[in-house]
């Protein structure tokens, strides 16, 4: 969180375009990867029949998602790549809640297409 907090202290000076560029190249791929790993825990819990544990995972993930989304400056929310990353995250959550493995794609964030 320290790097995030440091960048956010400078957000007014660097402007939304620079901040979004940083998100695209240094943040979203890791963020989506963490989300994928976490959602896989929910899928695994469902497969074991432990719906309580799965529900807890999904509640925590929902709070985590909302917390991160709430930290983004409003002016960044208008950028297509930010909307795309948040939409991908929601799609991953929806797949996981249906018992399917979340598939994350880094295409569009300066990375090659990769799903797992």
Protein backbone atom coordinates (compact mmCIF):
# COMPACT_ATOMS: atom_id res chain seq x y z
CA UNK A 1 0.00 0.00 0.00
CA UNK A 2 2.91 2.37 0.51
CA UNK A 3 3.60 2.81 -3.24
CA UNK A 4 -0.12 3.34 -3.85
CA UNK A 5 -0.38 5.96 -1.10
CA UNK A 6 2.74 7.74 -2.34
CA UNK A 7 1.39 7.99 -5.89
CA UNK A 8 -2.03 9.08 -4.68
CA UNK A 9 -0.49 11.94 -2.69
CA UNK A 10 0.84 13.24 -6.00
CA UNK A 11 -2.31 12.51 -8.04
CA UNK A 12 -3.36 16.16 -8.23
CA UNK A 13 0.02 17.16 -9.62
CA UNK A 14 0.55 14.33 -12.09
CA UNK A 15 -3.00 14.40 -13.43
CA UNK A 16 -5.37 11.61 -14.40
CA UNK A 17 -3.69 10.70 -17.71
CA UNK A 18 -0.36 9.94 -16.02
CA UNK A 19 -2.09 8.12 -13.18
CA UNK A 20 -4.07 5.97 -15.61
CA UNK A 21 -0.87 5.20 -17.52
CA UNK A 22 0.74 4.03 -14.27
CA UNK A 23 -2.30 1.87 -13.55
CA UNK A 24 -2.15 0.34 -17.02
CA UNK A 25 1.52 -0.53 -16.88
CA UNK A 26 2.15 -1.29 -13.22
CA UNK A 27 -1.07 -1.99 -11.36
CA UNK A 28 -3.93 -3.71 -13.19
CA UNK A 29 -2.14 -6.93 -14.13
CA UNK A 30 -1.07 -7.55 -10.54
CA UNK A 31 -4.42 -6.49 -9.16
CA UNK A 32 -6.29 -8.85 -11.49
CA UNK A 33 -3.86 -11.65 -10.68
CA UNK A 34 -4.47 -11.22 -6.94
CA UNK A 35 -8.21 -11.18 -7.59
CA UNK A 36 -7.95 -14.36 -9.65
CA UNK A 37 -6.04 -16.19 -6.93
CA UNK A 38 -8.53 -15.09 -4.31
CA UNK A 39 -11.54 -16.07 -6.41
CA UNK A 40 -10.02 -19.49 -7.03
CA UNK A 41 -10.23 -20.02 -3.27
CA UNK A 42 -13.97 -19.43 -3.50
CA UNK A 43 -14.31 -21.87 -6.41
CA UNK A 44 -12.32 -24.50 -4.51
CA UNK A 45 -14.47 -24.01 -1.40
CA UNK A 46 -17.63 -24.49 -3.50
CA UNK A 47 -16.18 -27.64 -5.05
CA UNK A 48 -15.56 -29.02 -1.55
CA UNK A 49 -19.17 -28.21 -0.68
CA UNK A 50 -18.11 -25.56 1.82
CA UNK A 51 -20.57 -22.87 0.80
CA UNK A 52 -20.01 -20.92 4.01
CA UNK A 53 -16.30 -20.49 3.24
CA UNK A 54 -17.10 -19.65 -0.39
CA UNK A 55 -19.59 -17.01 0.74
CA UNK A 56 -17.02 -15.49 3.06
CA UNK A 57 -14.49 -15.31 0.23
CA UNK A 58 -16.99 -13.57 -2.04
CA UNK A 59 -18.00 -11.10 0.66
CA UNK A 60 -14.35 -10.22 1.31
CA UNK A 61 -13.67 -9.91 -2.42
CA UNK A 62 -16.66 -7.59 -2.80
CA UNK A 63 -15.42 -5.33 -0.03
CA UNK A 64 -11.88 -5.41 -1.47
CA UNK A 65 -13.15 -4.48 -4.95
CA UNK A 66 -15.31 -1.65 -3.61
CA UNK A 67 -12.43 -0.37 -1.48
CA UNK A 68 -10.03 -0.20 -4.40
CA UNK A 69 -12.64 1.30 -6.72
CA UNK A 70 -13.36 3.93 -4.09
CA UNK A 71 -9.71 4.96 -4.00
CA UNK A 72 -9.62 5.81 -7.69
CA UNK A 73 -10.01 9.53 -8.39
CA UNK A 74 -13.34 10.22 -10.11
CA UNK A 75 -11.63 11.75 -13.15
CA UNK A 76 -9.82 8.44 -13.77
CA UNK A 77 -13.12 6.57 -13.94
CA UNK A 78 -13.82 8.08 -17.37
CA UNK A 79 -10.82 6.35 -18.99
CA UNK A 80 -11.59 3.27 -21.06
CA UNK A 81 -8.77 1.21 -19.56
CA UNK A 82 -10.04 1.84 -16.02
CA UNK A 83 -13.58 0.90 -17.00
CA UNK A 84 -12.20 -2.17 -18.79
CA UNK A 85 -10.17 -3.35 -15.78
CA UNK A 86 -13.11 -2.92 -13.41
CA UNK A 87 -15.44 -4.68 -15.86
CA UNK A 88 -12.96 -7.56 -16.18
CA UNK A 89 -12.86 -7.83 -12.39
CA UNK A 90 -16.65 -7.98 -12.18
CA UNK A 91 -16.76 -10.63 -14.92
CA UNK A 92 -14.18 -12.69 -13.02
CA UNK A 93 -16.24 -12.42 -9.84
CA UNK A 94 -19.41 -13.44 -11.67
CA UNK A 95 -17.71 -16.49 -13.23
CA UNK A 96 -16.30 -17.55 -9.89
CA UNK A 97 -19.66 -17.25 -8.16
CA UNK A 98 -21.06 -19.61 -10.82
CA UNK A 99 -18.37 -22.13 -9.88
CA UNK A 100 -16.19 -21.47 -12.91
CA UNK A 101 -12.52 -20.53 -12.66
CA UNK A 102 -11.99 -16.80 -13.10
CA UNK A 103 -10.20 -16.06 -16.34
CA UNK A 104 -8.06 -12.97 -16.37
CA UNK A 105 -6.79 -11.38 -19.55
CA UNK A 106 -4.03 -8.80 -19.49
CA UNK A 107 -4.62 -7.74 -23.06
CA UNK A 108 -5.14 -4.01 -23.24
CA UNK A 109 -2.84 -3.21 -20.35
CA UNK A 110 0.44 -3.25 -22.26
CA UNK A 111 0.70 -7.01 -21.88
CA UNK A 112 0.17 -9.95 -24.18
CA UNK A 113 -3.05 -11.94 -24.12
CA UNK A 114 -2.93 -14.43 -21.28
CA UNK A 115 -5.71 -16.27 -19.54
CA UNK A 116 -5.57 -18.70 -16.65
